[in-house]
Amino acid sequence: MARPAVAVATVLSLLIYPVDRPGVVVWRAAAILPRFLVHSGLGGLDVARRAFDPRLPISPGWVDIPLSSRHDAANVLLGG
C-alpha cells in the first residue's frame, strides 16, 4: 500500500523541484545560522521566563489517554 504513495510523492516532488535545479547551497544555509541561533536562544529565554513567572498558574502533570493501539513502539512515539 505504501509503494504507490511513495511513487506518487516522488513524481510530484520531481515536478515541483526538478533535478537540474541546485540543491541546498551551503554558504546560504550558513548565512542564516547566526540569526537562527540568536532567535533560538531568545525563544528559550522567553519560555523560561513564562514558566517561572509566579503570576502564571502552571500545574504540570500527566494525562492518561486510552489508546486503541497495542503496539508499544507506536504508543511511545505518540506519547513523545
C-alpha atoms as a PDB file:
ATOM      1  CA  MET A   1       0.000   0.000   0.000  1.00  0.00           C
ATOM      2  CA  ALA A   2       2.835   2.420   0.771  1.00  0.00           C
ATOM      3  CA  ARG A   3       4.691   1.815  -2.509  1.00  0.00           C
ATOM      4  CA  PRO A   4       2.159   3.636  -4.719  1.00  0.00           C
ATOM      5  CA  ALA A   5       2.170   6.565  -2.305  1.00  0.00           C
ATOM      6  CA  VAL A   6       5.968   6.710  -2.427  1.00  0.00           C
ATOM      7  CA  ALA A   7       5.911   6.641  -6.233  1.00  0.00           C
ATOM      8  CA  VAL A   8       3.316   9.423  -6.425  1.00  0.00           C
ATOM      9  CA  ALA A   9       5.227  11.517  -3.876  1.00  0.00           C
ATOM     10  CA  THR A  10       8.458  11.055  -5.846  1.00  0.00           C
ATOM     11  CA  VAL A  11       6.850  12.098  -9.134  1.00  0.00           C
ATOM     12  CA  LEU A  12       5.214  15.139  -7.545  1.00  0.00           C
ATOM     13  CA  SER A  13       8.477  16.106  -5.883  1.00  0.00           C
ATOM     14  CA  LEU A  14      10.344  15.947  -9.193  1.00  0.00           C
ATOM     15  CA  LEU A  15       7.651  18.004 -10.899  1.00  0.00           C
ATOM     16  CA  ILE A  16       7.711  20.673  -8.207  1.00  0.00           C
ATOM     17  CA  TYR A  17      11.509  20.771  -7.797  1.00  0.00           C
ATOM     18  CA  PRO A  18      13.298  19.326 -10.848  1.00  0.00           C
ATOM     19  CA  VAL A  19      16.612  17.505 -10.521  1.00  0.00           C
ATOM     20  CA  ASP A  20      18.529  20.013 -12.654  1.00  0.00           C
ATOM     21  CA  ARG A  21      17.959  22.808 -10.121  1.00  0.00           C
ATOM     22  CA  PRO A  22      20.658  23.235  -7.486  1.00  0.00           C
ATOM     23  CA  GLY A  23      20.026  21.854  -4.021  1.00  0.00           C
ATOM     24  CA  VAL A  24      20.988  23.431  -0.723  1.00  0.00           C
ATOM     25  CA  VAL A  25      23.771  25.983  -1.074  1.00  0.00           C
ATOM     26  CA  VAL A  26      25.981  25.656   1.997  1.00  0.00           C
ATOM     27  CA  TRP A  27      27.024  29.314   2.223  1.00  0.00           C
ATOM     28  CA  ARG A  28      23.385  30.422   2.076  1.00  0.00           C
ATOM     29  CA  ALA A  29      22.429  27.986   4.810  1.00  0.00           C
ATOM     30  CA  ALA A  30      25.426  29.132   6.885  1.00  0.00           C
ATOM     31  CA  ALA A  31      24.376  32.759   6.413  1.00  0.00           C
ATOM     32  CA  ILE A  32      21.174  32.245   8.403  1.00  0.00           C
ATOM     33  CA  LEU A  33      22.885  30.278  11.195  1.00  0.00           C
ATOM     34  CA  PRO A  34      23.698  33.295  13.458  1.00  0.00           C
ATOM     35  CA  ARG A  35      20.132  34.624  13.251  1.00  0.00           C
ATOM     36  CA  PHE A  36      18.765  31.137  13.902  1.00  0.00           C
ATOM     37  CA  LEU A  37      20.954  30.676  16.985  1.00  0.00           C
ATOM     38  CA  VAL A  38      20.095  34.122  18.401  1.00  0.00           C
ATOM     39  CA  HIS A  39      16.367  33.630  17.960  1.00  0.00           C
ATOM     40  CA  SER A  40      16.533  30.082  19.339  1.00  0.00           C
ATOM     41  CA  GLY A  41      18.200  31.426  22.468  1.00  0.00           C
ATOM     42  CA  LEU A  42      15.689  34.267  22.791  1.00  0.00           C
ATOM     43  CA  GLY A  43      12.827  31.816  22.384  1.00  0.00           C
ATOM     44  CA  GLY A  44      14.254  29.590  25.106  1.00  0.00           C
ATOM     45  CA  LEU A  45      14.614  32.560  27.445  1.00  0.00           C
ATOM     46  CA  ASP A  46      11.029  33.610  26.731  1.00  0.00           C
ATOM     47  CA  VAL A  47       9.740  30.135  27.570  1.00  0.00           C
ATOM     48  CA  ALA A  48      11.807  30.049  30.771  1.00  0.00           C
ATOM     49  CA  ARG A  49      10.528  33.488  31.794  1.00  0.00           C
ATOM     50  CA  ARG A  50       6.945  32.425  31.250  1.00  0.00           C
ATOM     51  CA  ALA A  51       7.443  29.129  33.093  1.00  0.00           C
ATOM     52  CA  PHE A  52       8.999  30.763  36.163  1.00  0.00           C
ATOM     53  CA  ASP A  53       6.645  33.761  36.318  1.00  0.00           C
ATOM     54  CA  PRO A  54       4.800  33.438  39.666  1.00  0.00           C
ATOM     55  CA  ARG A  55       1.678  35.063  38.174  1.00  0.00           C
ATOM     56  CA  LEU A  56       1.340  32.281  35.609  1.00  0.00           C
ATOM     57  CA  PRO A  57      -0.657  29.372  37.063  1.00  0.00           C
ATOM     58  CA  ILE A  58       1.142  26.283  35.795  1.00  0.00           C
ATOM     59  CA  SER A  59       0.064  22.891  37.082  1.00  0.00           C
ATOM     60  CA  PRO A  60       2.145  20.241  35.321  1.00  0.00           C
ATOM     61  CA  GLY A  61       1.014  16.659  35.425  1.00  0.00           C
ATOM     62  CA  TRP A  62       0.299  13.523  33.436  1.00  0.00           C
ATOM     63  CA  VAL A  63      -2.760  12.988  31.308  1.00  0.00           C
ATOM     64  CA  ASP A  64      -3.979   9.439  30.745  1.00  0.00           C
ATOM     65  CA  ILE A  65      -5.391   8.871  27.273  1.00  0.00           C
ATOM     66  CA  PRO A  66      -6.636   5.406  26.369  1.00  0.00           C
ATOM     67  CA  LEU A  67      -5.145   4.181  23.091  1.00  0.00           C
ATOM     68  CA  SER A  68      -6.596   1.518  20.859  1.00  0.00           C
ATOM     69  CA  SER A  69      -3.136   0.580  19.555  1.00  0.00           C
ATOM     70  CA  ARG A  70      -1.368  -2.288  21.307  1.00  0.00           C
ATOM     71  CA  HIS A  71       1.996  -1.609  19.642  1.00  0.00           C
ATOM     72  CA  ASP A  72       4.341  -0.367  22.368  1.00  0.00           C
ATOM     73  CA  ALA A  73       6.702   1.417  19.975  1.00  0.00           C
ATOM     74  CA  ALA A  74       3.831   3.311  18.322  1.00  0.00           C
ATOM     75  CA  ASN A  75       2.395   4.324  21.685  1.00  0.00           C
ATOM     76  CA  VAL A  76       5.783   5.574  22.915  1.00  0.00           C
ATOM     77  CA  LEU A  77       6.232   7.568  19.697  1.00  0.00           C
ATOM     78  CA  LEU A  78       2.765   9.063  20.065  1.00  0.00           C
ATOM     79  CA  GLY A  79       3.386   9.886  23.720  1.00  0.00           C
ATOM     80  CA  GLY A  80       6.643  11.641  22.862  1.00  0.00           C
END
